[in-house]
Amino acid sequence: MNHPERSLAKALIYITYKNGVLDPQGQAVKGALASLGFEGVGDVRVGKYIEIELSDSPPEDMKARAEKMCRDLLANPVIEDFRIELPGAPDAPVAPDER
């Protein structure tokens, strides 16, 4: 049986620690930069970047699906924020998640 190929679109997800949450990896990077002689480096925060291909649908549906993925698995809502971008969507980038 032949299945027509579904069009796919990317959702770009950026996950970072919430303000006030200690970022030990960021502090380690900051220390390493200082030891390499890089001056004038302020706070360093390290996060995650995830690209997910989703079946193409209206931007609001894709955003809702990506948000559910973040809340259910990809991000820890207690200590992390996430931001979703839908390249090519009329309102791209999508504003950060407000919790």
C-alpha atoms as a PDB file:
ATOM      1  CA  MET A   1       0.000   0.000   0.000  1.00  0.00           C
ATOM      2  CA  ASN A   2       1.415   3.405  -1.000  1.00  0.00           C
ATOM      3  CA  HIS A   3       1.355   6.164   1.620  1.00  0.00           C
ATOM      4  CA  PRO A   4       1.770   9.716   0.388  1.00  0.00           C
ATOM      5  CA  GLU A   5       4.729  11.432   2.045  1.00  0.00           C
ATOM      6  CA  ARG A   6       3.687  13.921   4.690  1.00  0.00           C
ATOM      7  CA  SER A   7       5.370  17.268   4.657  1.00  0.00           C
ATOM      8  CA  LEU A   8       7.582  17.871   7.686  1.00  0.00           C
ATOM      9  CA  ALA A   9       8.444  21.136   9.403  1.00  0.00           C
ATOM     10  CA  LYS A  10      10.990  21.818  12.136  1.00  0.00           C
ATOM     11  CA  ALA A  11      10.358  23.026  15.629  1.00  0.00           C
ATOM     12  CA  LEU A  12      13.457  24.495  17.294  1.00  0.00           C
ATOM     13  CA  ILE A  13      13.446  24.204  21.073  1.00  0.00           C
ATOM     14  CA  TYR A  14      15.764  26.075  23.433  1.00  0.00           C
ATOM     15  CA  ILE A  15      15.822  24.942  27.066  1.00  0.00           C
ATOM     16  CA  THR A  16      17.579  26.973  29.770  1.00  0.00           C
ATOM     17  CA  TYR A  17      17.666  27.088  33.546  1.00  0.00           C
ATOM     18  CA  LYS A  18      15.221  29.524  35.118  1.00  0.00           C
ATOM     19  CA  ASN A  19      16.686  32.705  36.583  1.00  0.00           C
ATOM     20  CA  GLY A  20      17.987  32.015  40.079  1.00  0.00           C
ATOM     21  CA  VAL A  21      18.718  28.319  39.430  1.00  0.00           C
ATOM     22  CA  LEU A  22      22.388  27.428  39.862  1.00  0.00           C
ATOM     23  CA  ASP A  23      24.066  26.401  36.586  1.00  0.00           C
ATOM     24  CA  PRO A  24      27.162  24.363  37.550  1.00  0.00           C
ATOM     25  CA  GLN A  25      28.077  23.649  33.932  1.00  0.00           C
ATOM     26  CA  GLY A  26      27.889  27.363  33.125  1.00  0.00           C
ATOM     27  CA  GLN A  27      30.140  28.138  36.106  1.00  0.00           C
ATOM     28  CA  ALA A  28      32.644  25.494  34.940  1.00  0.00           C
ATOM     29  CA  VAL A  29      32.696  27.031  31.448  1.00  0.00           C
ATOM     30  CA  LYS A  30      33.180  30.499  32.942  1.00  0.00           C
ATOM     31  CA  GLY A  31      36.127  29.237  35.012  1.00  0.00           C
ATOM     32  CA  ALA A  32      37.656  27.497  31.999  1.00  0.00           C
ATOM     33  CA  LEU A  33      37.357  30.649  29.889  1.00  0.00           C
ATOM     34  CA  ALA A  34      39.079  32.670  32.619  1.00  0.00           C
ATOM     35  CA  SER A  35      41.886  30.108  32.879  1.00  0.00           C
ATOM     36  CA  LEU A  36      42.391  30.394  29.110  1.00  0.00           C
ATOM     37  CA  GLY A  37      42.847  34.138  29.465  1.00  0.00           C
ATOM     38  CA  PHE A  38      39.453  35.340  28.262  1.00  0.00           C
ATOM     39  CA  GLU A  39      38.696  38.502  30.204  1.00  0.00           C
ATOM     40  CA  GLY A  40      35.458  40.368  30.721  1.00  0.00           C
ATOM     41  CA  VAL A  41      33.228  37.281  30.753  1.00  0.00           C
ATOM     42  CA  GLY A  42      30.161  37.748  32.932  1.00  0.00           C
ATOM     43  CA  ASP A  43      27.693  35.051  33.825  1.00  0.00           C
ATOM     44  CA  VAL A  44      27.666  31.954  31.613  1.00  0.00           C
ATOM     45  CA  ARG A  45      24.522  29.867  31.231  1.00  0.00           C
ATOM     46  CA  VAL A  46      24.481  26.521  29.401  1.00  0.00           C
ATOM     47  CA  GLY A  47      21.288  25.113  27.918  1.00  0.00           C
ATOM     48  CA  LYS A  48      19.953  22.535  25.489  1.00  0.00           C
ATOM     49  CA  TYR A  49      18.962  22.930  21.841  1.00  0.00           C
ATOM     50  CA  ILE A  50      16.636  20.399  20.252  1.00  0.00           C
ATOM     51  CA  GLU A  51      15.341  20.194  16.655  1.00  0.00           C
ATOM     52  CA  ILE A  52      12.213  18.138  16.111  1.00  0.00           C
ATOM     53  CA  GLU A  53      10.611  17.417  12.745  1.00  0.00           C
ATOM     54  CA  LEU A  54       6.833  17.432  12.997  1.00  0.00           C
ATOM     55  CA  SER A  55       4.190  16.728  10.384  1.00  0.00           C
ATOM     56  CA  ASP A  56       3.380  20.083   8.860  1.00  0.00           C
ATOM     57  CA  SER A  57       0.234  21.622  10.277  1.00  0.00           C
ATOM     58  CA  PRO A  58      -0.925  25.128  11.227  1.00  0.00           C
ATOM     59  CA  PRO A  59       1.695  26.929  13.372  1.00  0.00           C
ATOM     60  CA  GLU A  60      -0.551  27.066  16.442  1.00  0.00           C
ATOM     61  CA  ASP A  61      -1.005  23.263  16.302  1.00  0.00           C
ATOM     62  CA  MET A  62       2.726  22.651  15.870  1.00  0.00           C
ATOM     63  CA  LYS A  63       3.507  25.016  18.760  1.00  0.00           C
ATOM     64  CA  ALA A  64       0.960  23.272  20.997  1.00  0.00           C
ATOM     65  CA  ARG A  65       2.447  19.847  20.177  1.00  0.00           C
ATOM     66  CA  ALA A  66       6.005  21.062  20.844  1.00  0.00           C
ATOM     67  CA  GLU A  67       4.923  22.695  24.130  1.00  0.00           C
ATOM     68  CA  LYS A  68       3.338  19.425  25.270  1.00  0.00           C
ATOM     69  CA  MET A  69       6.559  17.561  24.411  1.00  0.00           C
ATOM     70  CA  CYS A  70       8.528  20.070  26.490  1.00  0.00           C
ATOM     71  CA  ARG A  71       6.169  19.872  29.462  1.00  0.00           C
ATOM     72  CA  ASP A  72       5.911  16.051  29.353  1.00  0.00           C
ATOM     73  CA  LEU A  73       9.523  15.093  28.629  1.00  0.00           C
ATOM     74  CA  LEU A  74      12.063  17.545  27.251  1.00  0.00           C
ATOM     75  CA  ALA A  75      12.186  20.194  29.992  1.00  0.00           C
ATOM     76  CA  ASN A  76      11.943  20.085  33.766  1.00  0.00           C
ATOM     77  CA  PRO A  77       9.327  22.788  34.447  1.00  0.00           C
ATOM     78  CA  VAL A  78      10.503  23.193  38.051  1.00  0.00           C
ATOM     79  CA  ILE A  79      13.958  24.470  37.088  1.00  0.00           C
ATOM     80  CA  GLU A  80      13.896  25.073  33.324  1.00  0.00           C
ATOM     81  CA  ASP A  81      12.237  27.429  30.844  1.00  0.00           C
ATOM     82  CA  PHE A  82      11.809  26.676  27.169  1.00  0.00           C
ATOM     83  CA  ARG A  83      11.348  28.681  24.006  1.00  0.00           C
ATOM     84  CA  ILE A  84      10.002  27.305  20.738  1.00  0.00           C
ATOM     85  CA  GLU A  85      10.706  28.675  17.274  1.00  0.00           C
ATOM     86  CA  LEU A  86       8.907  27.558  14.143  1.00  0.00           C
ATOM     87  CA  PRO A  87      11.076  28.680  11.203  1.00  0.00           C
ATOM     88  CA  GLY A  88       8.966  29.914   8.338  1.00  0.00           C
ATOM     89  CA  ALA A  89       5.841  30.383  10.451  1.00  0.00           C
ATOM     90  CA  PRO A  90       4.193  33.796  10.050  1.00  0.00           C
ATOM     91  CA  ASP A  91       4.823  34.699  13.695  1.00  0.00           C
ATOM     92  CA  ALA A  92       8.284  33.112  14.077  1.00  0.00           C
ATOM     93  CA  PRO A  93       9.987  33.195  16.517  1.00  0.00           C
ATOM     94  CA  VAL A  94       7.488  32.114  19.148  1.00  0.00           C
ATOM     95  CA  ALA A  95       7.695  34.050  22.420  1.00  0.00           C
ATOM     96  CA  PRO A  96       9.222  32.297  25.459  1.00  0.00           C
ATOM     97  CA  ASP A  97       6.990  30.077  27.528  1.00  0.00           C
ATOM     98  CA  GLU A  98       5.444  32.058  30.394  1.00  0.00           C
ATOM     99  CA  ARG A  99       4.811  29.937  33.505  1.00  0.00           C
END
